[in-house]
């Protein structure tokens, strides 16, 4: 994985850990938002070369 993706994921996990979620719905929304951000970061760092890991 790209270093940028790993850093973004770590930041999201850290922010999610600090945020208080009082309901299952809130947790689901947080996980969904983290996944969306991770996907966007991965798309931004993809160079278009299918041989790039």
Protein backbone atom coordinates (compact mmCIF):
# COMPACT_ATOMS: atom_id res chain seq x y z
CA UNK A 1 0.00 0.00 0.00
CA UNK A 2 1.04 3.54 -0.57
CA UNK A 3 2.47 5.44 2.38
CA UNK A 4 -0.15 8.17 1.87
CA UNK A 5 -2.97 5.62 2.09
CA UNK A 6 -1.54 4.14 5.28
CA UNK A 7 -1.13 7.57 6.86
CA UNK A 8 -4.68 8.54 5.89
CA UNK A 9 -6.05 5.29 7.30
CA UNK A 10 -4.12 5.75 10.57
CA UNK A 11 -5.43 9.30 10.87
CA UNK A 12 -9.00 8.16 10.30
CA UNK A 13 -8.68 5.37 12.85
CA UNK A 14 -7.19 7.79 15.37
CA UNK A 15 -9.91 10.36 14.79
CA UNK A 16 -12.57 7.67 15.02
CA UNK A 17 -11.13 6.47 18.30
CA UNK A 18 -11.36 9.94 19.78
CA UNK A 19 -14.90 10.57 18.57
CA UNK A 20 -17.64 9.34 20.88
CA UNK A 21 -20.28 7.15 19.25
CA UNK A 22 -23.27 6.45 21.46
CA UNK A 23 -25.28 4.33 19.05
CA UNK A 24 -24.74 1.49 16.61
CA UNK A 25 -25.98 3.79 13.87
CA UNK A 26 -23.31 6.33 14.78
CA UNK A 27 -20.61 3.68 14.65
CA UNK A 28 -21.86 2.56 11.24
CA UNK A 29 -21.75 6.10 9.92
CA UNK A 30 -18.21 6.58 11.22
CA UNK A 31 -17.01 3.34 9.62
CA UNK A 32 -18.70 4.26 6.35
CA UNK A 33 -17.09 7.72 6.36
CA UNK A 34 -13.67 6.22 7.11
CA UNK A 35 -14.07 3.73 4.26
CA UNK A 36 -15.11 6.48 1.85
CA UNK A 37 -12.09 8.60 2.77
CA UNK A 38 -9.77 5.62 2.37
CA UNK A 39 -11.26 4.86 -1.04
CA UNK A 40 -10.85 8.48 -2.18
CA UNK A 41 -7.24 8.57 -1.00
CA UNK A 42 -6.50 5.32 -2.81
CA UNK A 43 -8.02 6.71 -6.02
CA UNK A 44 -5.96 9.91 -5.70
CA UNK A 45 -2.70 8.00 -5.29
CA UNK A 46 -3.38 5.49 -8.10
CA UNK A 47 -1.11 6.32 -11.02
CA UNK A 48 -3.10 4.43 -13.65
CA UNK A 49 -0.47 1.74 -14.12
CA UNK A 50 -2.01 -1.71 -13.52
CA UNK A 51 1.45 -3.06 -12.60
CA UNK A 52 1.75 -0.70 -9.61
CA UNK A 53 1.02 -2.53 -6.33
